[in-house]
Amino acid sequence: MSDSYENAEIEVEMERTEFMGREYQTWSVEQNVYKVPIDDEEEDRLEEEHAIISGFFSTTGEDRLYFAPLTRPKNILECGYGRGHWAIAIANQFPDSTVCGVDINWEALPEEPENLVLEWANLNKNITSKSKSGELQQGKFDYIHSRFIAFGLREKRWPSYVKELRSLVKRGGYVEFVEYDFLFQSDSGWCGYDPKQFAIGQLSDYVRDWQTRYHSSDARASTKLATLMGDAGYKNVVSGMYQVPIGSWGDSEHHRYWGERNKNNTKRLLESFALWPLSEFGWPDSEATVRSLITRAQQDLDNPHLRLYIRL
């Protein structure tokens, strides 16, 4: 592919569409790939989300970026680097490694480390054959990290995606998947009520239904990852489902602190994840009604009696 064609392609991919006061990637919206904002507001939310996940799972006081027993990885791949918070952090932690990040919303990152290579990729397609940098080679990577891509990945793509990453990791290397189970749950059993009586239960139901009917993606892909990895031929698969609190409840100061930060970030996530799906779903039928449901769902997160959490 010529440089001029490649630059034109990137220019098209960077075009933006405004919807309900938020900015979306035009190409992703038109191709029905990723209907989540890519504006500065979402960048701030993603930065905070990275801090929450890294801090919540920390056992040493330092950010925890991975679970695999890494020592001196030479080549690292991140699928879906977003705004690069994890990619930059891992590149700085392992300065002698080469970190490759791929994402459908390609753009240069501020303070990009010299050992970080970024590349455009549509994860719904075979990424190995379409690699322009030559970084994506079979059996090359010591560690592959895939986090929070379920909202943009087709359900039918998951088996081949998991299998493709297995082909990219070297023998003895590690592949790590991290996904939310987009089903808000209550440690208090919803105080004896039906979850659908709460706006947060209604909103999450609508979004999951939209993903299935309009987007062909799977909001609960996290619950199937271990099976997918086994079917793809991975060895020594270790899986875990962690309860991440939403709000300052929990048995420890650590959980209460990160739970409160997670609550505030989840309020922002609800808008990012629900604006386009609720409007496209045909219900509700106006921006005011859409925002009303989102606001009421955000208020449910403040209910201390519900003791809400999301599984990771």
C-alpha atoms as a PDB file:
ATOM      1  CA  MET A   1       0.000   0.000   0.000  1.00  0.00           C
ATOM      2  CA  SER A   2       1.380   3.417  -0.932  1.00  0.00           C
ATOM      3  CA  ASP A   3       2.019   6.063   1.708  1.00  0.00           C
ATOM      4  CA  SER A   4      -0.475   8.432   0.058  1.00  0.00           C
ATOM      5  CA  TYR A   5      -3.220   5.812   0.126  1.00  0.00           C
ATOM      6  CA  GLU A   6      -2.425   4.891   3.722  1.00  0.00           C
ATOM      7  CA  ASN A   7      -2.498   8.544   4.822  1.00  0.00           C
ATOM      8  CA  ALA A   8      -5.824   9.059   3.036  1.00  0.00           C
ATOM      9  CA  GLU A   9      -7.198   5.990   4.794  1.00  0.00           C
ATOM     10  CA  ILE A  10      -6.153   7.308   8.207  1.00  0.00           C
ATOM     11  CA  GLU A  11      -7.649  10.725   7.402  1.00  0.00           C
ATOM     12  CA  VAL A  12     -11.011   9.095   6.681  1.00  0.00           C
ATOM     13  CA  GLU A  13     -10.779   7.037   9.848  1.00  0.00           C
ATOM     14  CA  MET A  14     -10.164  10.180  11.916  1.00  0.00           C
ATOM     15  CA  GLU A  15     -13.311  11.973  10.715  1.00  0.00           C
ATOM     16  CA  ARG A  16     -15.785  12.580  13.522  1.00  0.00           C
ATOM     17  CA  THR A  17     -19.563  12.746  13.854  1.00  0.00           C
ATOM     18  CA  GLU A  18     -21.326  14.735  16.576  1.00  0.00           C
ATOM     19  CA  PHE A  19     -24.338  13.170  18.245  1.00  0.00           C
ATOM     20  CA  MET A  20     -26.124  14.431  21.362  1.00  0.00           C
ATOM     21  CA  GLY A  21     -23.200  16.659  22.211  1.00  0.00           C
ATOM     22  CA  ARG A  22     -20.593  13.878  21.965  1.00  0.00           C
ATOM     23  CA  GLU A  23     -18.072  13.038  19.228  1.00  0.00           C
ATOM     24  CA  TYR A  24     -17.897   9.619  17.546  1.00  0.00           C
ATOM     25  CA  GLN A  25     -15.600   8.154  14.910  1.00  0.00           C
ATOM     26  CA  THR A  26     -17.538   8.516  11.658  1.00  0.00           C
ATOM     27  CA  TRP A  27     -16.103   5.384  10.064  1.00  0.00           C
ATOM     28  CA  SER A  28     -16.946   3.218  13.091  1.00  0.00           C
ATOM     29  CA  VAL A  29     -20.498   4.556  13.249  1.00  0.00           C
ATOM     30  CA  GLU A  30     -21.132   4.082   9.537  1.00  0.00           C
ATOM     31  CA  GLN A  31     -19.692   0.566   9.632  1.00  0.00           C
ATOM     32  CA  ASN A  32     -21.622  -0.234  12.836  1.00  0.00           C
ATOM     33  CA  VAL A  33     -18.375  -1.165  14.585  1.00  0.00           C
ATOM     34  CA  TYR A  34     -17.978   1.050  17.657  1.00  0.00           C
ATOM     35  CA  LYS A  35     -20.662   3.479  18.814  1.00  0.00           C
ATOM     36  CA  VAL A  36     -18.972   4.916  21.871  1.00  0.00           C
ATOM     37  CA  PRO A  37     -17.655   8.527  21.983  1.00  0.00           C
ATOM     38  CA  ILE A  38     -13.991   9.210  21.233  1.00  0.00           C
ATOM     39  CA  ASP A  39     -13.901  12.806  22.513  1.00  0.00           C
ATOM     40  CA  ASP A  40     -11.878  14.406  25.316  1.00  0.00           C
ATOM     41  CA  GLU A  41     -14.581  13.575  27.844  1.00  0.00           C
ATOM     42  CA  GLU A  42     -14.262   9.880  27.035  1.00  0.00           C
ATOM     43  CA  GLU A  43     -10.469  10.147  27.087  1.00  0.00           C
ATOM     44  CA  ASP A  44     -10.657  11.441  30.657  1.00  0.00           C
ATOM     45  CA  ARG A  45     -13.004   8.612  31.612  1.00  0.00           C
ATOM     46  CA  LEU A  46     -10.721   5.978  30.086  1.00  0.00           C
ATOM     47  CA  GLU A  47      -7.722   7.413  31.929  1.00  0.00           C
ATOM     48  CA  GLU A  48      -9.609   7.153  35.211  1.00  0.00           C
ATOM     49  CA  GLU A  49     -10.829   3.643  34.340  1.00  0.00           C
ATOM     50  CA  HIS A  50      -7.235   2.559  33.768  1.00  0.00           C
ATOM     51  CA  ALA A  51      -6.225   4.019  37.137  1.00  0.00           C
ATOM     52  CA  ILE A  52      -9.112   2.243  38.876  1.00  0.00           C
ATOM     53  CA  ILE A  53      -8.384  -1.187  37.401  1.00  0.00           C
ATOM     54  CA  SER A  54      -4.641  -0.870  37.984  1.00  0.00           C
ATOM     55  CA  GLY A  55      -5.141   0.362  41.539  1.00  0.00           C
ATOM     56  CA  PHE A  56      -7.960  -1.959  42.569  1.00  0.00           C
ATOM     57  CA  PHE A  57      -5.936  -5.070  41.728  1.00  0.00           C
ATOM     58  CA  SER A  58      -2.688  -3.747  43.193  1.00  0.00           C
ATOM     59  CA  THR A  59      -1.244  -5.701  46.109  1.00  0.00           C
ATOM     60  CA  THR A  60       2.017  -3.763  46.434  1.00  0.00           C
ATOM     61  CA  GLY A  61       0.929  -0.147  46.232  1.00  0.00           C
ATOM     62  CA  GLU A  62       2.111   0.056  42.621  1.00  0.00           C
ATOM     63  CA  ASP A  63      -0.241  -0.116  39.657  1.00  0.00           C
ATOM     64  CA  ARG A  64      -0.941  -3.676  38.548  1.00  0.00           C
ATOM     65  CA  LEU A  65      -0.884  -3.852  34.768  1.00  0.00           C
ATOM     66  CA  TYR A  66      -1.068  -7.630  34.270  1.00  0.00           C
ATOM     67  CA  PHE A  67      -1.625 -10.954  36.026  1.00  0.00           C
ATOM     68  CA  ALA A  68       0.721 -13.122  33.967  1.00  0.00           C
ATOM     69  CA  PRO A  69       4.109 -13.949  35.589  1.00  0.00           C
ATOM     70  CA  LEU A  70       6.141 -11.721  33.276  1.00  0.00           C
ATOM     71  CA  THR A  71       9.869 -11.269  33.780  1.00  0.00           C
ATOM     72  CA  ARG A  72      11.622  -9.696  30.777  1.00  0.00           C
ATOM     73  CA  PRO A  73       9.204  -9.816  27.823  1.00  0.00           C
ATOM     74  CA  LYS A  74      10.777  -8.840  24.529  1.00  0.00           C
ATOM     75  CA  ASN A  75       7.627  -8.263  22.471  1.00  0.00           C
ATOM     76  CA  ILE A  76       4.242  -7.163  23.839  1.00  0.00           C
ATOM     77  CA  LEU A  77       0.981  -6.648  21.938  1.00  0.00           C
ATOM     78  CA  GLU A  78      -2.074  -4.710  23.096  1.00  0.00           C
ATOM     79  CA  CYS A  79      -5.309  -5.126  21.155  1.00  0.00           C
ATOM     80  CA  GLY A  80      -7.529  -2.073  21.460  1.00  0.00           C
ATOM     81  CA  TYR A  81      -5.106   0.447  22.952  1.00  0.00           C
ATOM     82  CA  GLY A  82      -7.705   3.252  23.083  1.00  0.00           C
ATOM     83  CA  ARG A  83      -5.966   6.364  24.375  1.00  0.00           C
ATOM     84  CA  GLY A  84      -2.846   4.390  25.207  1.00  0.00           C
ATOM     85  CA  HIS A  85      -2.867   4.492  29.002  1.00  0.00           C
ATOM     86  CA  TRP A  86      -2.001   0.805  29.428  1.00  0.00           C
ATOM     87  CA  ALA A  87       0.308   0.682  26.399  1.00  0.00           C
ATOM     88  CA  ILE A  88       2.367   3.638  27.599  1.00  0.00           C
ATOM     89  CA  ALA A  89       2.521   2.298  31.158  1.00  0.00           C
ATOM     90  CA  ILE A  90       3.709  -1.172  30.071  1.00  0.00           C
ATOM     91  CA  ALA A  91       6.236   0.332  27.621  1.00  0.00           C
ATOM     92  CA  ASN A  92       7.688   2.416  30.447  1.00  0.00           C
ATOM     93  CA  GLN A  93       7.746  -0.540  32.814  1.00  0.00           C
ATOM     94  CA  PHE A  94       9.635  -2.677  30.279  1.00  0.00           C
ATOM     95  CA  PRO A  95      11.807  -0.142  28.394  1.00  0.00           C
ATOM     96  CA  ASP A  96      13.862  -2.897  26.721  1.00  0.00           C
ATOM     97  CA  SER A  97      10.770  -4.454  25.146  1.00  0.00           C
ATOM     98  CA  THR A  98       8.915  -3.493  21.971  1.00  0.00           C
ATOM     99  CA  VAL A  99       5.244  -2.774  22.581  1.00  0.00           C
ATOM    100  CA  CYS A 100       2.828  -2.834  19.634  1.00  0.00           C
ATOM    101  CA  GLY A 101      -0.637  -1.349  20.064  1.00  0.00           C
ATOM    102  CA  VAL A 102      -3.469  -1.774  17.561  1.00  0.00           C
ATOM    103  CA  ASP A 103      -6.817   0.023  17.530  1.00  0.00           C
ATOM    104  CA  ILE A 104      -9.535   1.024  15.118  1.00  0.00           C
ATOM    105  CA  ASN A 105      -9.334   4.651  16.279  1.00  0.00           C
ATOM    106  CA  TRP A 106      -5.698   5.188  15.350  1.00  0.00           C
ATOM    107  CA  GLU A 107      -3.985   8.344  16.529  1.00  0.00           C
ATOM    108  CA  ALA A 108      -0.606   9.346  17.859  1.00  0.00           C
ATOM    109  CA  LEU A 109      -0.303   9.533  21.629  1.00  0.00           C
ATOM    110  CA  PRO A 110       1.220  12.286  23.781  1.00  0.00           C
ATOM    111  CA  GLU A 111       4.578  11.426  25.322  1.00  0.00           C
ATOM    112  CA  GLU A 112       4.750   8.234  23.277  1.00  0.00           C
ATOM    113  CA  PRO A 113       7.702   6.057  24.429  1.00  0.00           C
ATOM    114  CA  GLU A 114      10.297   5.169  21.804  1.00  0.00           C
ATOM    115  CA  ASN A 115       9.623   1.443  22.292  1.00  0.00           C
ATOM    116  CA  LEU A 116       5.921   1.809  21.435  1.00  0.00           C
ATOM    117  CA  VAL A 117       4.628   1.137  17.902  1.00  0.00           C
ATOM    118  CA  LEU A 118       1.008   1.990  17.039  1.00  0.00           C
ATOM    119  CA  GLU A 119      -1.010   0.654  14.145  1.00  0.00           C
ATOM    120  CA  TRP A 120      -4.574   0.853  12.824  1.00  0.00           C
ATOM    121  CA  ALA A 121      -6.524  -2.394  12.945  1.00  0.00           C
ATOM    122  CA  ASN A 122     -10.135  -3.505  12.807  1.00  0.00           C
ATOM    123  CA  LEU A 123     -10.262  -6.338  15.329  1.00  0.00           C
ATOM    124  CA  ASN A 124     -13.362  -7.692  13.617  1.00  0.00           C
ATOM    125  CA  LYS A 125     -11.097  -8.702  10.731  1.00  0.00           C
ATOM    126  CA  ASN A 126      -7.915 -10.749  10.569  1.00  0.00           C
ATOM    127  CA  ILE A 127      -5.327  -8.326  11.921  1.00  0.00           C
ATOM    128  CA  THR A 128      -2.244 -10.379  11.033  1.00  0.00           C
ATOM    129  CA  SER A 129      -2.743 -10.303   7.272  1.00  0.00           C
ATOM    130  CA  LYS A 130      -3.565  -6.572   7.254  1.00  0.00           C
ATOM    131  CA  SER A 131      -0.611  -5.414   9.337  1.00  0.00           C
ATOM    132  CA  LYS A 132       1.245  -2.522   7.657  1.00  0.00           C
ATOM    133  CA  SER A 133       4.115  -2.291  10.154  1.00  0.00           C
ATOM    134  CA  GLY A 134       5.160  -5.928   9.915  1.00  0.00           C
ATOM    135  CA  GLU A 135       5.024  -6.166  13.722  1.00  0.00           C
ATOM    136  CA  LEU A 136       2.173  -8.697  13.772  1.00  0.00           C
ATOM    137  CA  GLN A 137       3.945 -11.966  13.125  1.00  0.00           C
ATOM    138  CA  GLN A 138       2.946 -15.448  14.188  1.00  0.00           C
ATOM    139  CA  GLY A 139       4.694 -16.745  17.269  1.00  0.00           C
ATOM    140  CA  LYS A 140       6.339 -13.394  17.989  1.00  0.00           C
ATOM    141  CA  PHE A 141       4.857 -12.060  21.215  1.00  0.00           C
ATOM    142  CA  ASP A 142       5.796 -12.953  24.766  1.00  0.00           C
ATOM    143  CA  TYR A 143       2.635 -11.343  26.083  1.00  0.00           C
ATOM    144  CA  ILE A 144      -0.647 -10.231  24.484  1.00  0.00           C
ATOM    145  CA  HIS A 145      -3.124  -8.010  26.304  1.00  0.00           C
ATOM    146  CA  SER A 146      -6.751  -7.590  25.177  1.00  0.00           C
ATOM    147  CA  ARG A 147      -8.965  -5.406  27.376  1.00  0.00           C
ATOM    148  CA  PHE A 148     -12.493  -4.011  27.104  1.00  0.00           C
ATOM    149  CA  ILE A 149     -13.147  -4.669  23.410  1.00  0.00           C
ATOM    150  CA  ALA A 150     -16.470  -6.538  23.761  1.00  0.00           C
ATOM    151  CA  PHE A 151     -18.534  -3.464  22.926  1.00  0.00           C
ATOM    152  CA  GLY A 152     -16.924  -3.284  19.490  1.00  0.00           C
ATOM    153  CA  LEU A 153     -16.290  -6.947  18.633  1.00  0.00           C
ATOM    154  CA  ARG A 154     -18.892  -9.019  16.796  1.00  0.00           C
ATOM    155  CA  GLU A 155     -20.081 -12.067  18.700  1.00  0.00           C
ATOM    156  CA  LYS A 156     -19.270 -14.364  15.771  1.00  0.00           C
ATOM    157  CA  ARG A 157     -15.716 -12.952  15.612  1.00  0.00           C
ATOM    158  CA  TRP A 158     -14.767 -14.015  19.155  1.00  0.00           C
ATOM    159  CA  PRO A 159     -13.742 -17.627  18.343  1.00  0.00           C
ATOM    160  CA  SER A 160     -11.465 -16.636  15.444  1.00  0.00           C
ATOM    161  CA  TYR A 161     -10.137 -13.607  17.345  1.00  0.00           C
ATOM    162  CA  VAL A 162      -9.121 -15.727  20.338  1.00  0.00           C
ATOM    163  CA  LYS A 163      -7.579 -18.277  17.976  1.00  0.00           C
ATOM    164  CA  GLU A 164      -5.689 -15.593  16.031  1.00  0.00           C
ATOM    165  CA  LEU A 165      -4.096 -14.236  19.207  1.00  0.00           C
ATOM    166  CA  ARG A 166      -2.976 -17.762  20.061  1.00  0.00           C
ATOM    167  CA  SER A 167      -1.159 -17.870  16.719  1.00  0.00           C
ATOM    168  CA  LEU A 168       0.618 -14.581  17.513  1.00  0.00           C
ATOM    169  CA  VAL A 169       1.924 -15.559  20.946  1.00  0.00           C
ATOM    170  CA  LYS A 170       5.175 -17.500  21.135  1.00  0.00           C
ATOM    171  CA  ARG A 171       5.408 -20.895  22.777  1.00  0.00           C
ATOM    172  CA  GLY A 172       5.525 -20.365  26.535  1.00  0.00           C
ATOM    173  CA  GLY A 173       4.047 -16.864  26.222  1.00  0.00           C
ATOM    174  CA  TYR A 174       0.870 -15.459  27.724  1.00  0.00           C
ATOM    175  CA  VAL A 175      -2.412 -14.071  26.402  1.00  0.00           C
ATOM    176  CA  GLU A 176      -4.610 -12.133  28.822  1.00  0.00           C
ATOM    177  CA  PHE A 177      -8.220 -11.110  28.213  1.00  0.00           C
ATOM    178  CA  VAL A 178      -9.962  -8.586  30.485  1.00  0.00           C
ATOM    179  CA  GLU A 179     -13.662  -7.815  29.982  1.00  0.00           C
ATOM    180  CA  TYR A 180     -16.606  -6.486  31.950  1.00  0.00           C
ATOM    181  CA  ASP A 181     -19.722  -8.571  32.352  1.00  0.00           C
ATOM    182  CA  PHE A 182     -22.169  -5.787  31.484  1.00  0.00           C
ATOM    183  CA  LEU A 183     -24.735  -6.876  34.043  1.00  0.00           C
ATOM    184  CA  PHE A 184     -25.008  -4.718  37.142  1.00  0.00           C
ATOM    185  CA  GLN A 185     -25.574  -6.783  40.257  1.00  0.00           C
ATOM    186  CA  SER A 186     -26.461  -6.098  43.878  1.00  0.00           C
ATOM    187  CA  ASP A 187     -24.707  -7.506  46.922  1.00  0.00           C
ATOM    188  CA  SER A 188     -27.929  -6.879  48.867  1.00  0.00           C
ATOM    189  CA  GLY A 189     -30.109  -8.800  46.418  1.00  0.00           C
ATOM    190  CA  TRP A 190     -31.615  -5.543  45.103  1.00  0.00           C
ATOM    191  CA  CYS A 191     -33.220  -5.153  48.551  1.00  0.00           C
ATOM    192  CA  GLY A 192     -35.784  -7.777  47.563  1.00  0.00           C
ATOM    193  CA  TYR A 193     -36.985  -5.953  44.453  1.00  0.00           C
ATOM    194  CA  ASP A 194     -36.866  -6.926  40.790  1.00  0.00           C
ATOM    195  CA  PRO A 195     -33.778  -5.273  39.202  1.00  0.00           C
ATOM    196  CA  LYS A 196     -36.014  -4.027  36.387  1.00  0.00           C
ATOM    197  CA  GLN A 197     -37.736  -1.755  38.904  1.00  0.00           C
ATOM    198  CA  PHE A 198     -34.515   0.276  38.994  1.00  0.00           C
ATOM    199  CA  ALA A 199     -33.372   2.519  36.152  1.00  0.00           C
ATOM    200  CA  ILE A 200     -29.894   0.931  36.223  1.00  0.00           C
ATOM    201  CA  GLY A 201     -31.460  -2.485  35.595  1.00  0.00           C
ATOM    202  CA  GLN A 202     -33.609  -1.120  32.775  1.00  0.00           C
ATOM    203  CA  LEU A 203     -30.734   0.702  31.111  1.00  0.00           C
ATOM    204  CA  SER A 204     -28.345  -2.251  31.171  1.00  0.00           C
ATOM    205  CA  ASP A 205     -31.103  -4.503  29.778  1.00  0.00           C
ATOM    206  CA  TYR A 206     -31.711  -2.086  26.896  1.00  0.00           C
ATOM    207  CA  VAL A 207     -28.006  -1.811  26.071  1.00  0.00           C
ATOM    208  CA  ARG A 208     -27.456  -5.591  26.138  1.00  0.00           C
ATOM    209  CA  ASP A 209     -30.558  -6.092  23.977  1.00  0.00           C
ATOM    210  CA  TRP A 210     -29.302  -3.464  21.514  1.00  0.00           C
ATOM    211  CA  GLN A 211     -25.925  -5.224  21.314  1.00  0.00           C
ATOM    212  CA  THR A 212     -27.610  -8.487  20.400  1.00  0.00           C
ATOM    213  CA  ARG A 213     -30.268  -7.195  17.992  1.00  0.00           C
ATOM    214  CA  TYR A 214     -28.583  -4.215  16.318  1.00  0.00           C
ATOM    215  CA  HIS A 215     -24.863  -4.663  16.783  1.00  0.00           C
ATOM    216  CA  SER A 216     -24.349  -8.453  16.827  1.00  0.00           C
ATOM    217  CA  SER A 217     -21.937  -8.131  19.764  1.00  0.00           C
ATOM    218  CA  ASP A 218     -21.977  -9.834  23.144  1.00  0.00           C
ATOM    219  CA  ALA A 219     -22.089  -7.706  26.299  1.00  0.00           C
ATOM    220  CA  ARG A 220     -21.448 -10.831  28.375  1.00  0.00           C
ATOM    221  CA  ALA A 221     -18.517 -12.216  26.392  1.00  0.00           C
ATOM    222  CA  SER A 222     -16.434 -12.234  29.573  1.00  0.00           C
ATOM    223  CA  THR A 223     -18.398 -15.219  30.877  1.00  0.00           C
ATOM    224  CA  LYS A 224     -17.350 -17.311  27.858  1.00  0.00           C
ATOM    225  CA  LEU A 225     -13.663 -16.463  27.533  1.00  0.00           C
ATOM    226  CA  ALA A 226     -12.302 -19.537  29.345  1.00  0.00           C
ATOM    227  CA  THR A 227     -14.335 -21.830  27.076  1.00  0.00           C
ATOM    228  CA  LEU A 228     -13.240 -19.930  23.960  1.00  0.00           C
ATOM    229  CA  MET A 229      -9.604 -20.225  24.976  1.00  0.00           C
ATOM    230  CA  GLY A 230      -9.946 -23.948  25.613  1.00  0.00           C
ATOM    231  CA  ASP A 231     -11.632 -24.444  22.243  1.00  0.00           C
ATOM    232  CA  ALA A 232      -8.805 -22.510  20.548  1.00  0.00           C
ATOM    233  CA  GLY A 233      -6.189 -24.834  22.002  1.00  0.00           C
ATOM    234  CA  TYR A 234      -4.711 -22.691  24.761  1.00  0.00           C
ATOM    235  CA  LYS A 235      -2.869 -24.559  27.494  1.00  0.00           C
ATOM    236  CA  ASN A 236      -2.987 -23.941  31.251  1.00  0.00           C
ATOM    237  CA  VAL A 237      -5.962 -21.583  31.055  1.00  0.00           C
ATOM    238  CA  VAL A 238      -6.578 -19.711  34.298  1.00  0.00           C
ATOM    239  CA  SER A 239      -9.776 -17.685  34.649  1.00  0.00           C
ATOM    240  CA  GLY A 240     -11.199 -15.521  37.388  1.00  0.00           C
ATOM    241  CA  MET A 241     -14.331 -13.429  37.885  1.00  0.00           C
ATOM    242  CA  TYR A 242     -13.778 -10.484  40.200  1.00  0.00           C
ATOM    243  CA  GLN A 243     -16.437  -8.408  41.912  1.00  0.00           C
ATOM    244  CA  VAL A 244     -15.603  -4.710  41.518  1.00  0.00           C
ATOM    245  CA  PRO A 245     -17.716  -2.556  43.867  1.00  0.00           C
ATOM    246  CA  ILE A 246     -19.622   0.493  42.656  1.00  0.00           C
ATOM    247  CA  GLY A 247     -19.684   2.789  45.664  1.00  0.00           C
ATOM    248  CA  SER A 248     -17.933   3.065  49.004  1.00  0.00           C
ATOM    249  CA  TRP A 249     -19.082  -0.217  50.483  1.00  0.00           C
ATOM    250  CA  GLY A 250     -17.010  -3.304  51.153  1.00  0.00           C
ATOM    251  CA  ASP A 251     -14.987  -5.042  53.829  1.00  0.00           C
ATOM    252  CA  SER A 252     -11.818  -2.994  53.476  1.00  0.00           C
ATOM    253  CA  GLU A 253     -10.712   0.601  53.102  1.00  0.00           C
ATOM    254  CA  HIS A 254      -9.042  -0.423  49.836  1.00  0.00           C
ATOM    255  CA  HIS A 255     -12.333  -1.651  48.353  1.00  0.00           C
ATOM    256  CA  ARG A 256     -14.290   1.336  49.625  1.00  0.00           C
ATOM    257  CA  TYR A 257     -11.798   3.813  48.174  1.00  0.00           C
ATOM    258  CA  TRP A 258     -11.661   2.241  44.718  1.00  0.00           C
ATOM    259  CA  GLY A 259     -15.393   1.500  44.812  1.00  0.00           C
ATOM    260  CA  GLU A 260     -16.170   5.197  45.250  1.00  0.00           C
ATOM    261  CA  ARG A 261     -13.909   6.131  42.352  1.00  0.00           C
ATOM    262  CA  ASN A 262     -15.464   3.349  40.289  1.00  0.00           C
ATOM    263  CA  LYS A 263     -18.949   4.679  41.043  1.00  0.00           C
ATOM    264  CA  ASN A 264     -18.093   8.120  39.717  1.00  0.00           C
ATOM    265  CA  ASN A 265     -16.467   6.643  36.613  1.00  0.00           C
ATOM    266  CA  THR A 266     -19.373   4.249  36.016  1.00  0.00           C
ATOM    267  CA  LYS A 267     -21.752   7.201  35.943  1.00  0.00           C
ATOM    268  CA  ARG A 268     -19.765   8.528  33.002  1.00  0.00           C
ATOM    269  CA  LEU A 269     -19.593   5.065  31.432  1.00  0.00           C
ATOM    270  CA  LEU A 270     -23.403   4.838  31.443  1.00  0.00           C
ATOM    271  CA  GLU A 271     -23.660   7.912  29.238  1.00  0.00           C
ATOM    272  CA  SER A 272     -20.854   6.784  26.920  1.00  0.00           C
ATOM    273  CA  PHE A 273     -22.258   3.300  26.462  1.00  0.00           C
ATOM    274  CA  ALA A 274     -25.973   4.158  26.375  1.00  0.00           C
ATOM    275  CA  LEU A 275     -26.479   7.373  24.368  1.00  0.00           C
ATOM    276  CA  TRP A 276     -26.264   5.876  20.887  1.00  0.00           C
ATOM    277  CA  PRO A 277     -27.815   2.443  21.651  1.00  0.00           C
ATOM    278  CA  LEU A 278     -30.879   3.882  23.413  1.00  0.00           C
ATOM    279  CA  SER A 279     -31.509   6.362  20.607  1.00  0.00           C
ATOM    280  CA  GLU A 280     -30.987   3.802  17.833  1.00  0.00           C
ATOM    281  CA  PHE A 281     -33.136   1.277  19.651  1.00  0.00           C
ATOM    282  CA  GLY A 282     -36.172   3.440  18.976  1.00  0.00           C
ATOM    283  CA  TRP A 283     -36.860   3.836  22.684  1.00  0.00           C
ATOM    284  CA  PRO A 284     -36.973   6.379  24.134  1.00  0.00           C
ATOM    285  CA  ASP A 285     -37.870   8.700  21.242  1.00  0.00           C
ATOM    286  CA  SER A 286     -36.190  11.958  22.276  1.00  0.00           C
ATOM    287  CA  GLU A 287     -32.856  13.139  23.646  1.00  0.00           C
ATOM    288  CA  ALA A 288     -34.564  14.415  26.801  1.00  0.00           C
ATOM    289  CA  THR A 289     -36.077  10.988  27.501  1.00  0.00           C
ATOM    290  CA  VAL A 290     -32.792   9.212  26.784  1.00  0.00           C
ATOM    291  CA  ARG A 291     -30.909  11.486  29.142  1.00  0.00           C
ATOM    292  CA  SER A 292     -33.630  11.131  31.778  1.00  0.00           C
ATOM    293  CA  LEU A 293     -33.159   7.350  31.913  1.00  0.00           C
ATOM    294  CA  ILE A 294     -29.366   7.738  32.058  1.00  0.00           C
ATOM    295  CA  THR A 295     -29.663  10.283  34.881  1.00  0.00           C
ATOM    296  CA  ARG A 296     -31.976   8.032  36.894  1.00  0.00           C
ATOM    297  CA  ALA A 297     -29.596   5.094  36.372  1.00  0.00           C
ATOM    298  CA  GLN A 298     -26.701   7.246  37.562  1.00  0.00           C
ATOM    299  CA  GLN A 299     -28.729   8.156  40.663  1.00  0.00           C
ATOM    300  CA  ASP A 300     -29.269   4.453  41.411  1.00  0.00           C
ATOM    301  CA  LEU A 301     -25.489   4.118  41.767  1.00  0.00           C
ATOM    302  CA  ASP A 302     -25.718   6.485  44.751  1.00  0.00           C
ATOM    303  CA  ASN A 303     -28.185   4.214  46.581  1.00  0.00           C
ATOM    304  CA  PRO A 304     -26.091   2.810  49.476  1.00  0.00           C
ATOM    305  CA  HIS A 305     -28.607   0.038  50.168  1.00  0.00           C
ATOM    306  CA  LEU A 306     -28.136  -1.601  46.761  1.00  0.00           C
ATOM    307  CA  ARG A 307     -24.385  -2.247  47.218  1.00  0.00           C
ATOM    308  CA  LEU A 308     -23.917  -2.493  43.461  1.00  0.00           C
ATOM    309  CA  TYR A 309     -21.005  -4.122  41.704  1.00  0.00           C
ATOM    310  CA  ILE A 310     -19.915  -5.229  38.259  1.00  0.00           C
ATOM    311  CA  ARG A 311     -17.965  -8.380  37.494  1.00  0.00           C
ATOM    312  CA  LEU A 312     -14.638  -8.289  35.707  1.00  0.00           C
END
